[in-house]
Amino acid sequence: MLNLFIKRNGLVVRESIASVSAINSSDDILWIDLLHPTTEEIAYISKTYMLEMPTKEEREEIEESARYWEDSDTITINTYFLTKPNEENVFHNETITFLLTHGILFTLRYSEFRIFDEIQQRVLASPKYFEDGFDLITNIFELRVEKDADMLESIAKQTRMLRRSLFDKELSDEILSTLSLLEEMHLSLRDSLFDKRLAITALLRTDKVDSDSKKSLGIVLKDINSLVEFANVNMNILDNIQTLFASHINIEQNKIIKIFTVVTVAMMPPTLIATIYGMNFKHMPELEWAYSYPVVLCTMIVSTILPILYFKKKKWL
């Protein structure tokens, strides 16, 4: 589906069209949003506006030259936007393609993002703030970074809660699962921030962007840098939590091993006594005693208690 935003009489109107044949190239178009575009739609836009639309493989390449490039008329940006959690409650990055040519912004995407709905409402409500595609992409990055900041704050809150519940024995399995999930969320969010930082840095270097947009993009870049630092701090905290959790598990395992060791050592003397008197020798004086059985039992009990008392004195228990 194509959403067209057209400037008319000082206003911006939106037209959702189902066929490319309905596009009037003579209109003063501000933005064309291609959501789940067909091959026909992409081919028409490419031919009409002399654009080189990146393929799916090109959109997913991670080289810097594949994330941003420009020629005399066009700027092309492939950048990550973090999507909602999927069925496994995991965020993932979706590539959004931005193309800017002759003041028109083209967005190519295959996922729904609330941020685009919000930007579209802003454009319709305050058209005077959006003179060209550079104003649009600046606002999109500003709003996206705000959403990333809110998301990072939420993840940081979950990280602090996880740290407080670290030594709750009943939550051991849940702690490990949450730790893995938070690490994955941090990595995805940090990758998204890195990608947007690359795109904004490149936009600040080009002479196609006006000074006002560069000023706004410079502020967004500072915000991204602060968010990256904050994400790195949170990653260090998660590493610390993982280390503490592993140490806690090792301590608990050592306690169990210590108990088994003490029990084994304590049972060795009575086992030796029982072994001796289980021998089938003919001449064993103790076998003729009237109280030999209770004496041997008492000896076995005492030989068990003495090692335990010794271990407690040494504070090994």
Protein backbone atom coordinates (compact mmCIF):
# COMPACT_ATOMS: atom_id res chain seq x y z
CA MET A 1 0.00 0.00 0.00
CA LEU A 2 1.18 3.55 -0.75
CA ASN A 3 0.49 6.55 1.47
CA LEU A 4 1.08 9.87 -0.27
CA PHE A 5 1.44 13.16 1.58
CA ILE A 6 0.82 16.05 -0.79
CA LYS A 7 1.19 19.79 -0.14
CA ARG A 8 -1.86 21.77 -1.24
CA ASN A 9 -2.71 25.38 -0.38
CA GLY A 10 -0.44 25.46 2.66
CA LEU A 11 -1.79 22.17 3.98
CA VAL A 12 -0.69 18.56 3.72
CA VAL A 13 -3.22 15.93 2.73
CA ARG A 14 -2.85 12.19 2.85
CA GLU A 15 -3.96 9.90 0.09
CA SER A 16 -3.87 6.12 0.46
CA ILE A 17 -3.83 4.54 -2.96
CA ALA A 18 -4.05 0.91 -3.97
CA SER A 19 -2.64 1.35 -7.47
CA VAL A 20 0.38 3.28 -8.72
CA SER A 21 -1.67 4.48 -11.67
CA ALA A 22 -3.44 6.86 -9.30
CA ILE A 23 -0.24 8.81 -8.59
CA ASN A 24 -0.17 12.24 -10.18
CA SER A 25 3.48 13.14 -10.67
CA SER A 26 2.57 16.82 -11.05
CA ASP A 27 1.43 17.01 -7.41
CA ASP A 28 3.71 18.72 -4.89
CA ILE A 29 4.52 15.49 -3.06
CA LEU A 30 6.22 15.65 0.34
CA TRP A 31 6.36 12.00 1.34
CA ILE A 32 5.58 8.61 -0.18
CA ASP A 33 5.38 5.84 2.40
CA LEU A 34 5.65 2.38 0.84
CA LEU A 35 4.26 -0.20 3.28
CA HIS A 36 4.53 -3.81 2.07
CA PRO A 37 5.00 -2.56 -1.52
CA THR A 38 4.52 -4.85 -4.48
CA THR A 39 7.11 -5.39 -7.19
CA GLU A 40 4.99 -3.26 -9.53
CA GLU A 41 4.88 -0.37 -7.07
CA ILE A 42 8.64 -0.45 -6.50
CA ALA A 43 9.29 -0.60 -10.25
CA TYR A 44 6.97 2.37 -10.87
CA ILE A 45 8.56 4.53 -8.17
CA SER A 46 12.04 3.65 -9.38
CA LYS A 47 11.22 4.55 -12.98
CA THR A 48 9.18 7.69 -12.28
CA TYR A 49 11.57 9.28 -9.81
CA MET A 50 14.81 7.83 -11.20
CA LEU A 51 15.56 5.97 -7.96
CA GLU A 52 17.66 2.89 -7.37
CA MET A 53 15.56 0.99 -4.83
CA PRO A 54 17.72 -1.44 -2.79
CA THR A 55 16.89 -5.13 -2.92
CA LYS A 56 16.12 -7.16 0.17
CA GLU A 57 19.69 -8.50 0.24
CA GLU A 58 21.14 -4.99 -0.09
CA ARG A 59 18.91 -3.72 2.70
CA GLU A 60 20.26 -6.32 5.11
CA GLU A 61 23.97 -5.88 4.36
CA ILE A 62 25.94 -4.50 7.31
CA GLU A 63 28.79 -2.73 5.52
CA GLU A 64 28.83 1.01 6.07
CA SER A 65 28.63 1.61 2.31
CA ALA A 66 25.43 -0.47 2.22
CA ARG A 67 23.80 1.45 5.07
CA TYR A 68 24.27 4.92 3.58
CA TRP A 69 25.16 6.21 0.14
CA GLU A 70 24.38 9.24 -1.98
CA ASP A 71 24.82 10.58 -5.48
CA SER A 72 24.27 13.99 -6.99
CA ASP A 73 20.49 13.91 -6.45
CA THR A 74 19.65 11.11 -4.03
CA ILE A 75 20.46 9.99 -0.49
CA THR A 76 19.72 6.37 0.44
CA ILE A 77 19.69 5.18 4.07
CA ASN A 78 19.16 1.67 5.38
CA THR A 79 18.81 1.73 9.15
CA TYR A 80 17.52 -0.49 11.96
CA PHE A 81 14.30 0.21 13.84
CA LEU A 82 13.57 -1.97 16.85
CA THR A 83 10.25 -3.80 16.55
CA LYS A 84 7.78 -5.04 19.13
CA PRO A 85 8.51 -8.31 20.96
CA ASN A 86 7.58 -11.41 18.96
CA GLU A 87 5.97 -14.60 20.25
CA GLU A 88 9.15 -15.40 22.21
CA ASN A 89 9.08 -11.94 23.84
CA VAL A 90 12.25 -10.93 22.00
CA PHE A 91 12.86 -7.63 20.22
CA HIS A 92 14.46 -7.68 16.81
CA ASN A 93 15.69 -5.07 14.36
CA GLU A 94 13.83 -4.38 11.15
CA THR A 95 15.56 -2.50 8.32
CA ILE A 96 13.80 0.67 7.14
CA THR A 97 14.91 2.29 3.89
CA PHE A 98 14.80 6.08 3.48
CA LEU A 99 15.36 7.73 0.10
CA LEU A 100 15.56 11.49 -0.32
CA THR A 101 15.49 13.11 -3.73
CA HIS A 102 14.42 16.61 -4.80
CA GLY A 103 12.95 17.28 -1.35
CA ILE A 104 10.72 14.18 -1.40
CA LEU A 105 11.06 11.46 1.22
CA PHE A 106 10.42 7.82 0.27
CA THR A 107 10.18 5.21 3.04
CA LEU A 108 10.30 1.51 2.25
CA ARG A 109 9.21 -0.83 5.05
CA TYR A 110 7.67 -4.23 5.60
CA SER A 111 6.48 -3.87 9.21
CA GLU A 112 4.00 -1.71 11.04
CA PHE A 113 5.56 0.94 13.29
CA ARG A 114 3.56 3.21 15.55
CA ILE A 115 6.16 5.93 15.07
CA PHE A 116 5.13 6.32 11.41
CA ASP A 117 1.50 6.78 12.42
CA GLU A 118 2.56 9.45 14.92
CA ILE A 119 4.73 11.27 12.38
CA GLN A 120 1.91 11.19 9.83
CA GLN A 121 -0.44 12.76 12.37
CA ARG A 122 2.14 15.48 13.09
CA VAL A 123 2.52 16.23 9.40
CA LEU A 124 -1.23 16.56 8.93
CA ALA A 125 -1.66 18.64 12.09
CA SER A 126 1.34 20.99 11.62
CA PRO A 127 2.24 21.10 7.91
CA LYS A 128 4.23 24.34 8.24
CA TYR A 129 6.96 22.47 10.16
CA PHE A 130 7.51 20.05 7.27
CA GLU A 131 8.73 21.83 4.20
CA ASP A 132 10.65 18.93 2.65
CA GLY A 133 11.79 15.36 3.19
CA PHE A 134 14.73 16.42 5.36
CA ASP A 135 12.35 17.90 7.93
CA LEU A 136 10.46 14.62 7.88
CA ILE A 137 13.43 12.34 8.36
CA THR A 138 14.78 14.60 11.13
CA ASN A 139 11.49 14.29 13.02
CA ILE A 140 11.38 10.55 12.42
CA PHE A 141 14.84 10.10 13.93
CA GLU A 142 13.98 12.40 16.85
CA LEU A 143 10.84 10.44 17.70
CA ARG A 144 12.53 7.07 17.17
CA VAL A 145 15.38 7.97 19.54
CA GLU A 146 12.82 9.11 22.13
CA LYS A 147 11.14 5.70 21.86
CA ASP A 148 14.53 3.97 22.14
CA ALA A 149 15.27 6.01 25.28
CA ASP A 150 11.96 4.95 26.85
CA MET A 151 12.68 1.35 25.93
CA LEU A 152 16.19 1.52 27.38
CA GLU A 153 14.84 3.03 30.59
CA SER A 154 12.35 0.17 30.88
CA ILE A 155 15.11 -2.40 30.30
CA ALA A 156 17.30 -0.68 32.92
CA LYS A 157 14.44 -0.88 35.42
CA GLN A 158 14.07 -4.61 34.75
CA THR A 159 17.84 -4.99 35.20
CA ARG A 160 17.70 -3.35 38.65
CA MET A 161 14.78 -5.58 39.65
CA LEU A 162 16.73 -8.63 38.48
CA ARG A 163 19.72 -7.63 40.59
CA ARG A 164 17.55 -7.34 43.70
CA SER A 165 16.10 -10.83 43.19
CA LEU A 166 19.46 -12.40 42.37
CA PHE A 167 19.75 -14.58 45.48
CA ASP A 168 16.15 -15.77 45.61
CA LYS A 169 16.56 -19.56 45.42
CA GLU A 170 13.00 -20.06 44.19
CA LEU A 171 13.65 -17.85 41.13
CA SER A 172 16.94 -19.37 39.94
CA ASP A 173 15.59 -20.68 36.62
CA GLU A 174 13.58 -17.50 36.02
CA ILE A 175 16.62 -15.33 36.79
CA LEU A 176 18.72 -17.10 34.18
CA SER A 177 15.99 -16.78 31.57
CA THR A 178 15.42 -13.09 32.35
CA LEU A 179 19.16 -12.41 32.25
CA SER A 180 19.45 -13.93 28.79
CA LEU A 181 16.42 -11.97 27.56
CA LEU A 182 17.73 -8.64 28.90
CA GLU A 183 21.11 -9.20 27.29
CA GLU A 184 19.44 -9.92 23.95
CA MET A 185 17.29 -6.79 24.26
CA HIS A 186 20.32 -4.64 25.08
CA LEU A 187 22.29 -5.98 22.13
CA SER A 188 19.41 -5.38 19.71
CA LEU A 189 18.80 -1.87 21.02
CA ARG A 190 22.49 -0.99 20.93
CA ASP A 191 22.80 -2.26 17.34
CA SER A 192 19.84 -0.08 16.40
CA LEU A 193 21.43 2.97 18.03
CA PHE A 194 24.77 2.31 16.32
CA ASP A 195 23.03 2.08 12.95
CA LYS A 196 21.12 5.33 13.42
CA ARG A 197 24.28 7.07 14.62
CA LEU A 198 26.01 6.08 11.40
CA ALA A 199 23.15 7.44 9.29
CA ILE A 200 22.88 10.74 11.19
CA THR A 201 26.65 11.26 11.14
CA ALA A 202 26.58 10.86 7.36
CA LEU A 203 23.64 13.29 7.03
CA LEU A 204 25.56 15.88 9.03
CA ARG A 205 28.45 15.64 6.56
CA THR A 206 26.42 16.06 3.38
CA ASP A 207 25.75 19.48 1.87
CA LYS A 208 22.23 18.45 0.84
CA VAL A 209 20.82 18.96 4.34
CA ASP A 210 19.92 22.52 5.41
CA SER A 211 21.41 24.10 8.53
CA ASP A 212 18.23 23.88 10.64
CA SER A 213 17.89 20.15 9.99
CA LYS A 214 21.60 19.66 10.75
CA LYS A 215 21.16 21.48 14.05
CA SER A 216 18.30 19.16 15.03
CA LEU A 217 20.19 16.09 13.85
CA GLY A 218 23.19 17.19 15.91
CA ILE A 219 21.02 17.17 19.04
CA VAL A 220 19.68 13.72 18.12
CA LEU A 221 23.25 12.48 17.66
CA LYS A 222 24.19 13.68 21.15
CA ASP A 223 21.14 11.87 22.55
CA ILE A 224 22.16 8.68 20.74
CA ASN A 225 25.69 8.89 22.14
CA SER A 226 24.35 9.26 25.67
CA LEU A 227 21.98 6.31 25.14
CA VAL A 228 24.85 4.16 23.83
CA GLU A 229 26.87 4.97 26.96
CA PHE A 230 23.87 4.18 29.14
CA ALA A 231 23.35 0.88 27.29
CA ASN A 232 27.03 0.00 27.80
CA VAL A 233 26.68 0.66 31.53
CA ASN A 234 23.63 -1.60 31.64
CA MET A 235 25.52 -4.28 29.74
CA ASN A 236 28.30 -4.10 32.35
CA ILE A 237 25.69 -4.43 35.10
CA LEU A 238 24.27 -7.51 33.37
CA ASP A 239 27.77 -8.98 33.12
CA ASN A 240 28.21 -8.32 36.83
CA ILE A 241 24.86 -9.97 37.59
CA GLN A 242 25.87 -12.98 35.50
CA THR A 243 29.18 -13.24 37.41
CA LEU A 244 27.42 -12.93 40.78
CA PHE A 245 24.83 -15.50 39.76
CA ALA A 246 27.51 -17.96 38.64
CA SER A 247 29.41 -17.38 41.90
CA HIS A 248 26.23 -17.93 43.88
CA ILE A 249 25.58 -21.20 42.07
CA ASN A 250 29.17 -22.32 42.70
CA ILE A 251 28.88 -21.51 46.40
CA GLU A 252 25.64 -23.47 46.68
CA GLN A 253 27.22 -26.42 44.87
CA ASN A 254 30.28 -26.25 47.11
CA LYS A 255 28.04 -26.36 50.18
CA ILE A 256 26.35 -29.49 48.87
CA ILE A 257 29.70 -31.11 48.02
CA LYS A 258 31.02 -30.17 51.47
CA ILE A 259 28.05 -31.86 53.16
CA PHE A 260 28.53 -35.04 51.14
CA THR A 261 32.25 -35.00 51.90
CA VAL A 262 31.66 -34.61 55.65
CA VAL A 263 29.06 -37.37 55.67
CA THR A 264 31.41 -39.67 53.75
CA VAL A 265 34.33 -39.01 56.10
CA ALA A 266 32.13 -39.33 59.20
CA MET A 267 30.83 -42.71 58.03
CA MET A 268 34.28 -44.16 57.39
CA PRO A 269 35.10 -45.15 61.04
CA PRO A 270 31.80 -46.99 61.67
CA THR A 271 32.12 -48.62 58.26
CA LEU A 272 35.60 -49.84 59.23
CA ILE A 273 34.30 -51.19 62.56
CA ALA A 274 31.39 -52.94 60.89
CA THR A 275 33.76 -54.41 58.31
CA ILE A 276 36.09 -55.78 60.98
CA TYR A 277 33.34 -57.47 62.94
CA GLY A 278 31.79 -58.77 59.78
CA MET A 279 34.88 -60.96 59.19
CA ASN A 280 34.40 -64.70 59.66
CA PHE A 281 37.43 -65.35 61.89
CA LYS A 282 37.09 -68.16 64.43
CA HIS A 283 39.08 -66.50 67.20
CA MET A 284 37.64 -63.05 67.89
CA PRO A 285 37.48 -62.47 71.68
CA GLU A 286 34.78 -59.81 71.42
CA LEU A 287 32.34 -62.34 69.98
CA GLU A 288 32.20 -64.11 73.37
CA TRP A 289 31.38 -60.97 75.37
CA ALA A 290 27.86 -60.62 76.69
CA TYR A 291 27.66 -56.92 75.77
CA SER A 292 29.78 -56.97 72.64
CA TYR A 293 26.92 -55.98 70.31
CA PRO A 294 25.82 -52.79 72.15
CA VAL A 295 29.47 -51.86 72.74
CA VAL A 296 30.24 -52.09 69.03
CA LEU A 297 27.11 -50.05 68.17
CA CYS A 298 28.06 -47.35 70.66
CA THR A 299 31.59 -47.32 69.28
CA MET A 300 30.23 -46.84 65.77
CA ILE A 301 27.99 -43.98 66.90
CA VAL A 302 30.80 -42.25 68.78
CA SER A 303 33.16 -42.68 65.81
CA THR A 304 30.54 -40.95 63.63
CA ILE A 305 29.90 -38.06 66.03
CA LEU A 306 33.56 -37.25 66.73
CA PRO A 307 34.48 -36.29 63.10
CA ILE A 308 31.37 -34.11 62.85
CA LEU A 309 32.27 -32.29 66.09
CA TYR A 310 35.80 -31.84 64.78
CA PHE A 311 34.56 -30.37 61.49
CA LYS A 312 32.30 -27.93 63.37
CA LYS A 313 35.19 -26.84 65.58
CA LYS A 314 37.23 -26.13 62.46
CA LYS A 315 34.19 -24.28 61.02
CA TRP A 316 34.09 -26.54 58.01
CA LEU A 317 30.37 -27.00 58.53
